[in-house]
Every structure is written in C-alpha cells, then in structure tokens.
Amino acid sequence: MRVQISRDSVAAGDDLEPHDQEIEVDERCTLTDFFKMLAVGGYLPEIWGGQATWAATAGRDGKLLAIVAAQWKEPELFVDAAAGIETLGADIHFRYLAQRDPHKVVDLVRAARDAAELAIALDPYGPV
C-alpha cells in the first residue's frame, strides 16, 4: 500500500527541504509498527534533548490517530490498535508539538470535550 506522509518543520533550517514523501507499506503492518517505523527509521527528526512530541493525523487537518514521542517505545493510539494500516487512509501528517510532555498531551486529548479543547491540546504552544 502506498501512503503519503508529511510532517511539520522543527526549526528554520529544517524548512529547506520538503517533508512530503510517498512510502510503500505492507498492508499487514500494524498501526503501532507503522508509527514506530517512522520514528525509528529517521523520518521524524531527532530533536536536541531527545524529547519531541508529535500528533499523527489523517491528513493535515484530519482525525487524530496517535501521539508519538521520541522518548516512548510505543505510540499512544487513538484508533483501534488491532486495525491494519489500510484503515488509516493514504495520507498521514505529523504535527510537531515541540517538547511538550507527551503524557500531558494525551491527558488533555482524552479530557477534550469538543473540537476547541482538542485544538488546544494539540497546539504546539498549548498547556505544558
């Protein structure tokens, strides 16, 4: 299966190259393995201090799929972990949430009662 992936830039110098890629993914790949592959495989850049937090969404403004953190071994999924990669669609975007505490981001996402509160939870400059 071909999947379009994109990510936010993490610094001014990171804007020099586009971050959109198309990758081939085995349809039997689990969602956890997919997100781990992108984090470990170098698509998500290493950040000074090693504490980057990312929100993976369906497209740039779509449904939240997972919170991925450089310091975590496993992503926190907001979709069925047993589902295959084909359930995500063909466009995944990683929104950089800076060095926000990923546990606090997850707590805020789970507590969000509406779209406005979810937007605050996923704001890179939101509550720390």
C-alpha atoms as a PDB file:
ATOM      1  CA  MET A   1       0.000   0.000   0.000  1.00  0.00           C
ATOM      2  CA  ARG A   2       1.295   3.472  -0.841  1.00  0.00           C
ATOM      3  CA  VAL A   3       0.991   6.067   1.913  1.00  0.00           C
ATOM      4  CA  GLN A   4       1.689   9.800   1.698  1.00  0.00           C
ATOM      5  CA  ILE A   5       3.432  11.064   4.809  1.00  0.00           C
ATOM      6  CA  SER A   6       4.202  14.649   5.746  1.00  0.00           C
ATOM      7  CA  ARG A   7       5.469  16.443   8.807  1.00  0.00           C
ATOM      8  CA  ASP A   8       5.909  19.915  10.217  1.00  0.00           C
ATOM      9  CA  SER A   9       9.309  21.530  10.277  1.00  0.00           C
ATOM     10  CA  VAL A  10      11.098  21.589  13.613  1.00  0.00           C
ATOM     11  CA  ALA A  11      13.384  24.606  13.047  1.00  0.00           C
ATOM     12  CA  ALA A  12      14.093  27.303  10.460  1.00  0.00           C
ATOM     13  CA  GLY A  13      16.845  25.262   8.767  1.00  0.00           C
ATOM     14  CA  ASP A  14      14.503  22.292   8.559  1.00  0.00           C
ATOM     15  CA  ASP A  15      12.364  24.236   6.055  1.00  0.00           C
ATOM     16  CA  LEU A  16      14.955  23.891   3.266  1.00  0.00           C
ATOM     17  CA  GLU A  17      13.689  20.520   2.040  1.00  0.00           C
ATOM     18  CA  PRO A  18      10.084  19.356   1.623  1.00  0.00           C
ATOM     19  CA  HIS A  19       8.891  16.775   4.130  1.00  0.00           C
ATOM     20  CA  ASP A  20       6.286  15.085   1.957  1.00  0.00           C
ATOM     21  CA  GLN A  21       7.089  11.530   0.942  1.00  0.00           C
ATOM     22  CA  GLU A  22       5.293   8.577  -0.504  1.00  0.00           C
ATOM     23  CA  ILE A  23       6.252   5.253   1.037  1.00  0.00           C
ATOM     24  CA  GLU A  24       5.308   1.645   0.422  1.00  0.00           C
ATOM     25  CA  VAL A  25       3.896  -0.110   3.482  1.00  0.00           C
ATOM     26  CA  ASP A  26       2.890  -3.753   3.790  1.00  0.00           C
ATOM     27  CA  GLU A  27      -0.878  -3.832   4.338  1.00  0.00           C
ATOM     28  CA  ARG A  28      -0.335  -6.358   7.152  1.00  0.00           C
ATOM     29  CA  CYS A  29       1.730  -3.798   9.086  1.00  0.00           C
ATOM     30  CA  THR A  30       0.154  -2.940  12.438  1.00  0.00           C
ATOM     31  CA  LEU A  31      -0.506   0.678  13.307  1.00  0.00           C
ATOM     32  CA  THR A  32       1.930   0.507  16.215  1.00  0.00           C
ATOM     33  CA  ASP A  33       4.664  -0.867  13.966  1.00  0.00           C
ATOM     34  CA  PHE A  34       3.929   1.770  11.319  1.00  0.00           C
ATOM     35  CA  PHE A  35       4.374   4.668  13.732  1.00  0.00           C
ATOM     36  CA  LYS A  36       7.446   3.065  15.345  1.00  0.00           C
ATOM     37  CA  MET A  37       8.983   2.528  11.892  1.00  0.00           C
ATOM     38  CA  LEU A  38       8.667   6.226  11.055  1.00  0.00           C
ATOM     39  CA  ALA A  39      10.047   7.352  14.416  1.00  0.00           C
ATOM     40  CA  VAL A  40      12.996   4.945  14.468  1.00  0.00           C
ATOM     41  CA  GLY A  41      13.588   4.998  10.716  1.00  0.00           C
ATOM     42  CA  GLY A  42      14.622   8.637  10.714  1.00  0.00           C
ATOM     43  CA  TYR A  43      11.567  10.234   9.103  1.00  0.00           C
ATOM     44  CA  LEU A  44      10.789  12.056  12.338  1.00  0.00           C
ATOM     45  CA  PRO A  45      13.923  14.072  13.098  1.00  0.00           C
ATOM     46  CA  GLU A  46      15.873  13.850  16.316  1.00  0.00           C
ATOM     47  CA  ILE A  47      15.493  16.972  18.414  1.00  0.00           C
ATOM     48  CA  TRP A  48      18.117  18.393  20.725  1.00  0.00           C
ATOM     49  CA  GLY A  49      17.339  16.932  24.126  1.00  0.00           C
ATOM     50  CA  GLY A  50      15.580  13.915  22.550  1.00  0.00           C
ATOM     51  CA  GLN A  51      12.108  14.874  23.746  1.00  0.00           C
ATOM     52  CA  ALA A  52       9.986  15.604  20.689  1.00  0.00           C
ATOM     53  CA  THR A  53       6.230  15.029  20.692  1.00  0.00           C
ATOM     54  CA  TRP A  54       4.207  14.509  17.501  1.00  0.00           C
ATOM     55  CA  ALA A  55       0.480  14.249  16.783  1.00  0.00           C
ATOM     56  CA  ALA A  56      -0.192  11.918  13.860  1.00  0.00           C
ATOM     57  CA  THR A  57      -3.358  12.866  11.982  1.00  0.00           C
ATOM     58  CA  ALA A  58      -5.235  11.656   8.919  1.00  0.00           C
ATOM     59  CA  GLY A  59      -4.111  14.388   6.552  1.00  0.00           C
ATOM     60  CA  ARG A  60      -3.032  17.817   7.744  1.00  0.00           C
ATOM     61  CA  ASP A  61      -6.310  18.637   9.466  1.00  0.00           C
ATOM     62  CA  GLY A  62      -7.870  15.217   9.922  1.00  0.00           C
ATOM     63  CA  LYS A  63      -8.690  12.884  12.751  1.00  0.00           C
ATOM     64  CA  LEU A  64      -6.095  12.325  15.466  1.00  0.00           C
ATOM     65  CA  LEU A  65      -4.542   8.878  15.025  1.00  0.00           C
ATOM     66  CA  ALA A  66      -1.742   8.790  17.588  1.00  0.00           C
ATOM     67  CA  ILE A  67       0.657  10.693  19.796  1.00  0.00           C
ATOM     68  CA  VAL A  68       4.242   9.693  19.046  1.00  0.00           C
ATOM     69  CA  ALA A  69       7.063  10.745  21.357  1.00  0.00           C
ATOM     70  CA  ALA A  70      10.803  10.367  20.806  1.00  0.00           C
ATOM     71  CA  GLN A  71      11.182   9.173  24.384  1.00  0.00           C
ATOM     72  CA  TRP A  72       8.469   6.483  24.116  1.00  0.00           C
ATOM     73  CA  LYS A  73       8.910   2.957  22.781  1.00  0.00           C
ATOM     74  CA  GLU A  74       5.251   2.744  21.712  1.00  0.00           C
ATOM     75  CA  PRO A  75       2.877   5.373  20.324  1.00  0.00           C
ATOM     76  CA  GLU A  76      -0.367   6.202  22.116  1.00  0.00           C
ATOM     77  CA  LEU A  77      -3.050   5.249  19.596  1.00  0.00           C
ATOM     78  CA  PHE A  78      -6.439   6.933  19.305  1.00  0.00           C
ATOM     79  CA  VAL A  79      -7.654   4.389  16.774  1.00  0.00           C
ATOM     80  CA  ASP A  80      -8.106   0.624  17.046  1.00  0.00           C
ATOM     81  CA  ALA A  81      -4.638  -0.886  17.592  1.00  0.00           C
ATOM     82  CA  ALA A  82      -5.746  -4.168  16.022  1.00  0.00           C
ATOM     83  CA  ALA A  83      -6.656  -2.449  12.759  1.00  0.00           C
ATOM     84  CA  GLY A  84      -4.301  -2.660   9.833  1.00  0.00           C
ATOM     85  CA  ILE A  85      -2.550   0.221   8.133  1.00  0.00           C
ATOM     86  CA  GLU A  86      -5.150   0.255   5.366  1.00  0.00           C
ATOM     87  CA  THR A  87      -7.719   1.670   7.814  1.00  0.00           C
ATOM     88  CA  LEU A  88      -5.766   4.937   8.127  1.00  0.00           C
ATOM     89  CA  GLY A  89      -6.165   6.050   4.562  1.00  0.00           C
ATOM     90  CA  ALA A  90      -3.333   7.129   2.332  1.00  0.00           C
ATOM     91  CA  ASP A  91      -2.314  10.455   3.898  1.00  0.00           C
ATOM     92  CA  ILE A  92      -0.694  10.793   7.334  1.00  0.00           C
ATOM     93  CA  HIS A  93       0.615  14.073   8.737  1.00  0.00           C
ATOM     94  CA  PHE A  94       2.833  14.540  11.794  1.00  0.00           C
ATOM     95  CA  ARG A  95       2.215  17.792  13.652  1.00  0.00           C
ATOM     96  CA  TYR A  96       5.205  18.838  15.740  1.00  0.00           C
ATOM     97  CA  LEU A  97       4.172  19.600  19.314  1.00  0.00           C
ATOM     98  CA  ALA A  98       7.652  20.777  20.291  1.00  0.00           C
ATOM     99  CA  GLN A  99       8.978  19.359  23.524  1.00  0.00           C
ATOM    100  CA  ARG A 100       5.643  19.247  25.308  1.00  0.00           C
ATOM    101  CA  ASP A 101       5.242  16.428  27.808  1.00  0.00           C
ATOM    102  CA  PRO A 102       3.534  13.682  25.773  1.00  0.00           C
ATOM    103  CA  HIS A 103       1.759  12.280  28.843  1.00  0.00           C
ATOM    104  CA  LYS A 104       0.138  15.661  29.481  1.00  0.00           C
ATOM    105  CA  VAL A 105      -0.813  15.952  25.796  1.00  0.00           C
ATOM    106  CA  VAL A 106      -2.517  12.541  25.957  1.00  0.00           C
ATOM    107  CA  ASP A 107      -4.332  13.523  29.165  1.00  0.00           C
ATOM    108  CA  LEU A 108      -5.581  16.760  27.553  1.00  0.00           C
ATOM    109  CA  VAL A 109      -6.687  14.911  24.400  1.00  0.00           C
ATOM    110  CA  ARG A 110      -8.617  12.342  26.432  1.00  0.00           C
ATOM    111  CA  ALA A 111     -10.253  15.109  28.509  1.00  0.00           C
ATOM    112  CA  ALA A 112     -11.218  17.229  25.475  1.00  0.00           C
ATOM    113  CA  ARG A 113     -14.992  17.595  25.261  1.00  0.00           C
ATOM    114  CA  ASP A 114     -15.139  19.317  21.889  1.00  0.00           C
ATOM    115  CA  ALA A 115     -13.094  20.365  18.854  1.00  0.00           C
ATOM    116  CA  ALA A 116     -11.942  23.600  20.509  1.00  0.00           C
ATOM    117  CA  GLU A 117     -10.482  21.782  23.516  1.00  0.00           C
ATOM    118  CA  LEU A 118      -8.853  19.203  21.231  1.00  0.00           C
ATOM    119  CA  ALA A 119      -7.262  22.018  19.221  1.00  0.00           C
ATOM    120  CA  ILE A 120      -5.804  23.469  22.429  1.00  0.00           C
ATOM    121  CA  ALA A 121      -4.486  20.044  23.453  1.00  0.00           C
ATOM    122  CA  LEU A 122      -2.725  19.693  20.087  1.00  0.00           C
ATOM    123  CA  ASP A 123      -1.338  23.222  19.918  1.00  0.00           C
ATOM    124  CA  PRO A 124       2.487  23.188  19.951  1.00  0.00           C
ATOM    125  CA  TYR A 125       2.338  26.193  22.299  1.00  0.00           C
ATOM    126  CA  GLY A 126      -0.549  24.843  24.340  1.00  0.00           C
ATOM    127  CA  PRO A 127      -0.546  23.937  28.021  1.00  0.00           C
ATOM    128  CA  VAL A 128       2.668  22.325  29.223  1.00  0.00           C
END
